Amino acid sequence: MSRPLNYAMLKYFTTVDEASVDDVMDALKGEYSNRRAFTREEMTSALMTAEKNGLIEEARIDLDDKDELLVYYRATDEQKQSINSYIK
């Protein structure tokens, strides 16, 4: 049985320097694309919630190829430790 999608999203940030919602979706699509919450809107909301809860932080902002705002997040070493202590 796989982890809940939000858990998998957080664990992903323990393995990369930074990522946007598109990066997260690309990395998790193989196992999670059939989940109801696997939409750009839902996953963006989950990332924003994780940021508000101090589990990840905003790294930078850029524009995608359609000139839409793209927010990149990262987890500091301390945040990675917190994530790894809660999610095995």
C-alpha atoms as a PDB file:
ATOM      1  CA  MET A   1       0.000   0.000   0.000  1.00  0.00           C
ATOM      2  CA  SER A   2       1.394   3.377  -0.942  1.00  0.00           C
ATOM      3  CA  ARG A   3       1.621   6.487   1.183  1.00  0.00           C
ATOM      4  CA  PRO A   4      -1.066   9.166   1.048  1.00  0.00           C
ATOM      5  CA  LEU A   5      -0.355  11.659  -1.737  1.00  0.00           C
ATOM      6  CA  ASN A   6       0.445  14.535   0.646  1.00  0.00           C
ATOM      7  CA  TYR A   7       2.996  12.360   2.442  1.00  0.00           C
ATOM      8  CA  ALA A   8       4.612  11.358  -0.855  1.00  0.00           C
ATOM      9  CA  MET A   9       4.794  15.017  -1.854  1.00  0.00           C
ATOM     10  CA  LEU A  10       6.591  15.936   1.367  1.00  0.00           C
ATOM     11  CA  LYS A  11       8.967  12.967   1.133  1.00  0.00           C
ATOM     12  CA  TYR A  12       9.846  14.071  -2.400  1.00  0.00           C
ATOM     13  CA  PHE A  13      11.191  17.332  -0.988  1.00  0.00           C
ATOM     14  CA  THR A  14      13.654  15.362   1.129  1.00  0.00           C
ATOM     15  CA  THR A  15      15.265  14.082  -2.084  1.00  0.00           C
ATOM     16  CA  VAL A  16      15.609  17.258  -4.187  1.00  0.00           C
ATOM     17  CA  ASP A  17      17.113  20.725  -3.788  1.00  0.00           C
ATOM     18  CA  GLU A  18      13.928  22.438  -4.972  1.00  0.00           C
ATOM     19  CA  ALA A  19      10.821  21.650  -6.984  1.00  0.00           C
ATOM     20  CA  SER A  20       7.708  23.208  -8.454  1.00  0.00           C
ATOM     21  CA  VAL A  21       4.271  21.605  -8.458  1.00  0.00           C
ATOM     22  CA  ASP A  22       4.974  20.454 -12.014  1.00  0.00           C
ATOM     23  CA  ASP A  23       8.181  18.737 -10.878  1.00  0.00           C
ATOM     24  CA  VAL A  24       6.334  17.005  -8.042  1.00  0.00           C
ATOM     25  CA  MET A  25       3.548  15.866 -10.364  1.00  0.00           C
ATOM     26  CA  ASP A  26       6.049  14.531 -12.874  1.00  0.00           C
ATOM     27  CA  ALA A  27       7.923  12.607 -10.176  1.00  0.00           C
ATOM     28  CA  LEU A  28       4.801  11.084  -8.627  1.00  0.00           C
ATOM     29  CA  LYS A  29       2.604  10.502 -11.679  1.00  0.00           C
ATOM     30  CA  GLY A  30       3.529   6.829 -12.033  1.00  0.00           C
ATOM     31  CA  GLU A  31       2.099   5.855  -8.665  1.00  0.00           C
ATOM     32  CA  TYR A  32      -0.402   8.621  -7.911  1.00  0.00           C
ATOM     33  CA  SER A  33      -1.890   9.925 -11.187  1.00  0.00           C
ATOM     34  CA  ASN A  34      -5.102   7.967 -10.618  1.00  0.00           C
ATOM     35  CA  ARG A  35      -5.800   9.752  -7.310  1.00  0.00           C
ATOM     36  CA  ARG A  36      -8.614  12.278  -7.211  1.00  0.00           C
ATOM     37  CA  ALA A  37      -6.341  14.920  -5.657  1.00  0.00           C
ATOM     38  CA  PHE A  38      -3.690  14.513  -8.373  1.00  0.00           C
ATOM     39  CA  THR A  39      -4.480  17.832 -10.042  1.00  0.00           C
ATOM     40  CA  ARG A  40      -2.298  20.898 -10.351  1.00  0.00           C
ATOM     41  CA  GLU A  41      -4.771  22.943  -8.299  1.00  0.00           C
ATOM     42  CA  GLU A  42      -5.078  20.426  -5.447  1.00  0.00           C
ATOM     43  CA  MET A  43      -1.358  19.782  -5.286  1.00  0.00           C
ATOM     44  CA  THR A  44      -0.540  23.496  -5.370  1.00  0.00           C
ATOM     45  CA  SER A  45      -2.910  23.947  -2.441  1.00  0.00           C
ATOM     46  CA  ALA A  46      -1.189  21.100  -0.579  1.00  0.00           C
ATOM     47  CA  LEU A  47       2.235  22.675  -1.147  1.00  0.00           C
ATOM     48  CA  MET A  48       0.990  26.038   0.089  1.00  0.00           C
ATOM     49  CA  THR A  49      -0.420  24.351   3.198  1.00  0.00           C
ATOM     50  CA  ALA A  50       2.886  22.565   3.808  1.00  0.00           C
ATOM     51  CA  GLU A  51       4.651  25.915   3.524  1.00  0.00           C
ATOM     52  CA  LYS A  52       2.265  27.566   5.995  1.00  0.00           C
ATOM     53  CA  ASN A  53       2.893  24.674   8.392  1.00  0.00           C
ATOM     54  CA  GLY A  54       6.653  25.176   8.139  1.00  0.00           C
ATOM     55  CA  LEU A  55       7.420  21.856   6.446  1.00  0.00           C
ATOM     56  CA  ILE A  56       8.777  23.437   3.245  1.00  0.00           C
ATOM     57  CA  GLU A  57       9.656  26.972   2.202  1.00  0.00           C
ATOM     58  CA  GLU A  58       9.463  29.034  -0.946  1.00  0.00           C
ATOM     59  CA  ALA A  59      12.764  28.885  -2.830  1.00  0.00           C
ATOM     60  CA  ARG A  60      12.084  31.089  -5.838  1.00  0.00           C
ATOM     61  CA  ILE A  61       9.477  32.234  -8.302  1.00  0.00           C
ATOM     62  CA  ASP A  62       9.733  31.948 -12.075  1.00  0.00           C
ATOM     63  CA  LEU A  63       7.529  31.979 -15.153  1.00  0.00           C
ATOM     64  CA  ASP A  64       6.726  28.829 -17.078  1.00  0.00           C
ATOM     65  CA  ASP A  65       6.671  28.602 -20.868  1.00  0.00           C
ATOM     66  CA  LYS A  66       3.121  30.005 -20.877  1.00  0.00           C
ATOM     67  CA  ASP A  67       4.185  33.009 -18.759  1.00  0.00           C
ATOM     68  CA  GLU A  68       2.282  31.663 -15.762  1.00  0.00           C
ATOM     69  CA  LEU A  69       3.704  32.006 -12.271  1.00  0.00           C
ATOM     70  CA  LEU A  70       5.669  28.976 -11.109  1.00  0.00           C
ATOM     71  CA  VAL A  71       6.639  28.726  -7.454  1.00  0.00           C
ATOM     72  CA  TYR A  72       9.560  26.528  -6.436  1.00  0.00           C
ATOM     73  CA  TYR A  73       9.739  25.129  -2.911  1.00  0.00           C
ATOM     74  CA  ARG A  74      12.512  23.476  -0.940  1.00  0.00           C
ATOM     75  CA  ALA A  75      13.001  21.780   2.395  1.00  0.00           C
ATOM     76  CA  THR A  76      15.872  22.899   4.594  1.00  0.00           C
ATOM     77  CA  ASP A  77      17.910  20.272   6.422  1.00  0.00           C
ATOM     78  CA  GLU A  78      15.842  20.905   9.558  1.00  0.00           C
ATOM     79  CA  GLN A  79      12.592  20.594   7.616  1.00  0.00           C
ATOM     80  CA  LYS A  80      13.833  17.383   5.996  1.00  0.00           C
ATOM     81  CA  GLN A  81      14.554  15.974   9.448  1.00  0.00           C
ATOM     82  CA  SER A  82      11.040  16.876  10.570  1.00  0.00           C
ATOM     83  CA  ILE A  83       9.466  15.303   7.502  1.00  0.00           C
ATOM     84  CA  ASN A  84      11.553  12.148   7.887  1.00  0.00           C
ATOM     85  CA  SER A  85      10.715  11.856  11.576  1.00  0.00           C
ATOM     86  CA  TYR A  86       6.966  11.950  10.866  1.00  0.00           C
ATOM     87  CA  ILE A  87       6.871  10.024   7.598  1.00  0.00           C
ATOM     88  CA  LYS A  88       8.842   6.783   7.394  1.00  0.00           C
END
